[in-house]
Amino acid sequence: MPNVGWSLEQRAAVKRWMLFASLFAVAGVILSVLLIAAGNSGGWALLFLTLCIYGPCQLYIGTIKRKQPH
């Protein structure tokens, strides 16, 4: 069965959710850098979790986006 691609509404929703996730990822990285600078070792855990959650989501969405018909 061929991949017919995402509808306009689905693409808009993915963009909206990825923007939302990106804002939280940036906030998580900033908070973790502040915690690391303050000497709190929990900052490293927060940085690791933020990157481990956001990274694969971004890669997955990017892979699907490249496979879409134009």
Protein backbone atom coordinates (compact mmCIF):
# COMPACT_ATOMS: atom_id res chain seq x y z
CA MET A 1 0.00 0.00 0.00
CA PRO A 2 1.57 3.33 -1.02
CA ASN A 3 2.26 6.06 1.47
CA VAL A 4 -0.12 8.88 0.54
CA GLY A 5 1.42 11.34 2.98
CA TRP A 6 0.09 13.58 5.67
CA SER A 7 -2.80 15.94 5.20
CA LEU A 8 -2.33 19.68 5.69
CA GLU A 9 -4.02 19.46 9.10
CA GLN A 10 -1.69 16.67 10.22
CA ARG A 11 1.39 18.60 9.10
CA ALA A 12 0.17 21.70 10.94
CA ALA A 13 -0.44 19.68 14.10
CA VAL A 14 3.04 18.12 13.93
CA LYS A 15 4.61 21.56 13.49
CA ARG A 16 2.63 22.89 16.45
CA TRP A 17 3.58 19.97 18.72
CA MET A 18 7.25 20.09 17.68
CA LEU A 19 7.35 23.83 18.44
CA PHE A 20 5.84 23.09 21.85
CA ALA A 21 8.38 20.29 22.44
CA SER A 22 11.24 22.49 21.25
CA LEU A 23 10.33 25.23 23.71
CA PHE A 24 10.33 22.73 26.57
CA ALA A 25 13.63 21.25 25.37
CA VAL A 26 15.26 24.69 25.29
CA ALA A 27 13.90 25.45 28.76
CA GLY A 28 15.20 22.09 30.02
CA VAL A 29 18.67 22.70 28.59
CA ILE A 30 18.82 26.20 30.08
CA LEU A 31 17.68 24.95 33.47
CA SER A 32 20.15 22.08 33.41
CA VAL A 33 23.03 24.43 32.49
CA LEU A 34 22.07 26.68 35.40
CA LEU A 35 21.93 23.70 37.75
CA ILE A 36 25.31 22.42 36.53
CA ALA A 37 26.83 25.89 36.96
CA ALA A 38 25.44 26.02 40.50
CA GLY A 39 27.13 22.71 41.30
CA ASN A 40 23.99 20.57 41.38
CA SER A 41 24.61 17.14 39.85
CA GLY A 42 20.90 16.83 39.04
CA GLY A 43 21.53 19.22 36.16
CA TRP A 44 23.38 16.47 34.29
CA ALA A 45 20.43 14.11 34.75
CA LEU A 46 18.00 16.74 33.51
CA LEU A 47 20.19 17.47 30.49
CA PHE A 48 20.44 13.75 29.69
CA LEU A 49 16.68 13.22 30.00
CA THR A 50 15.86 16.28 27.92
CA LEU A 51 18.15 15.21 25.10
CA CYS A 52 17.06 11.56 25.27
CA ILE A 53 13.41 12.51 24.91
CA TYR A 54 13.66 15.35 22.38
CA GLY A 55 16.39 13.91 20.16
CA PRO A 56 14.65 10.71 19.03
CA CYS A 57 11.36 12.56 18.51
CA GLN A 58 13.07 15.09 16.26
CA LEU A 59 14.85 12.34 14.31
CA TYR A 60 11.61 10.39 13.87
CA ILE A 61 9.64 13.40 12.65
CA GLY A 62 12.50 14.38 10.32
CA THR A 63 12.62 10.87 8.84
CA ILE A 64 8.88 10.83 8.22
CA LYS A 65 9.04 14.34 6.74
CA ARG A 66 11.72 13.34 4.22
CA LYS A 67 9.63 10.34 3.09
CA GLN A 68 6.57 12.46 2.32
CA PRO A 69 5.58 12.90 -1.32
CA HIS A 70 5.95 16.44 -2.61
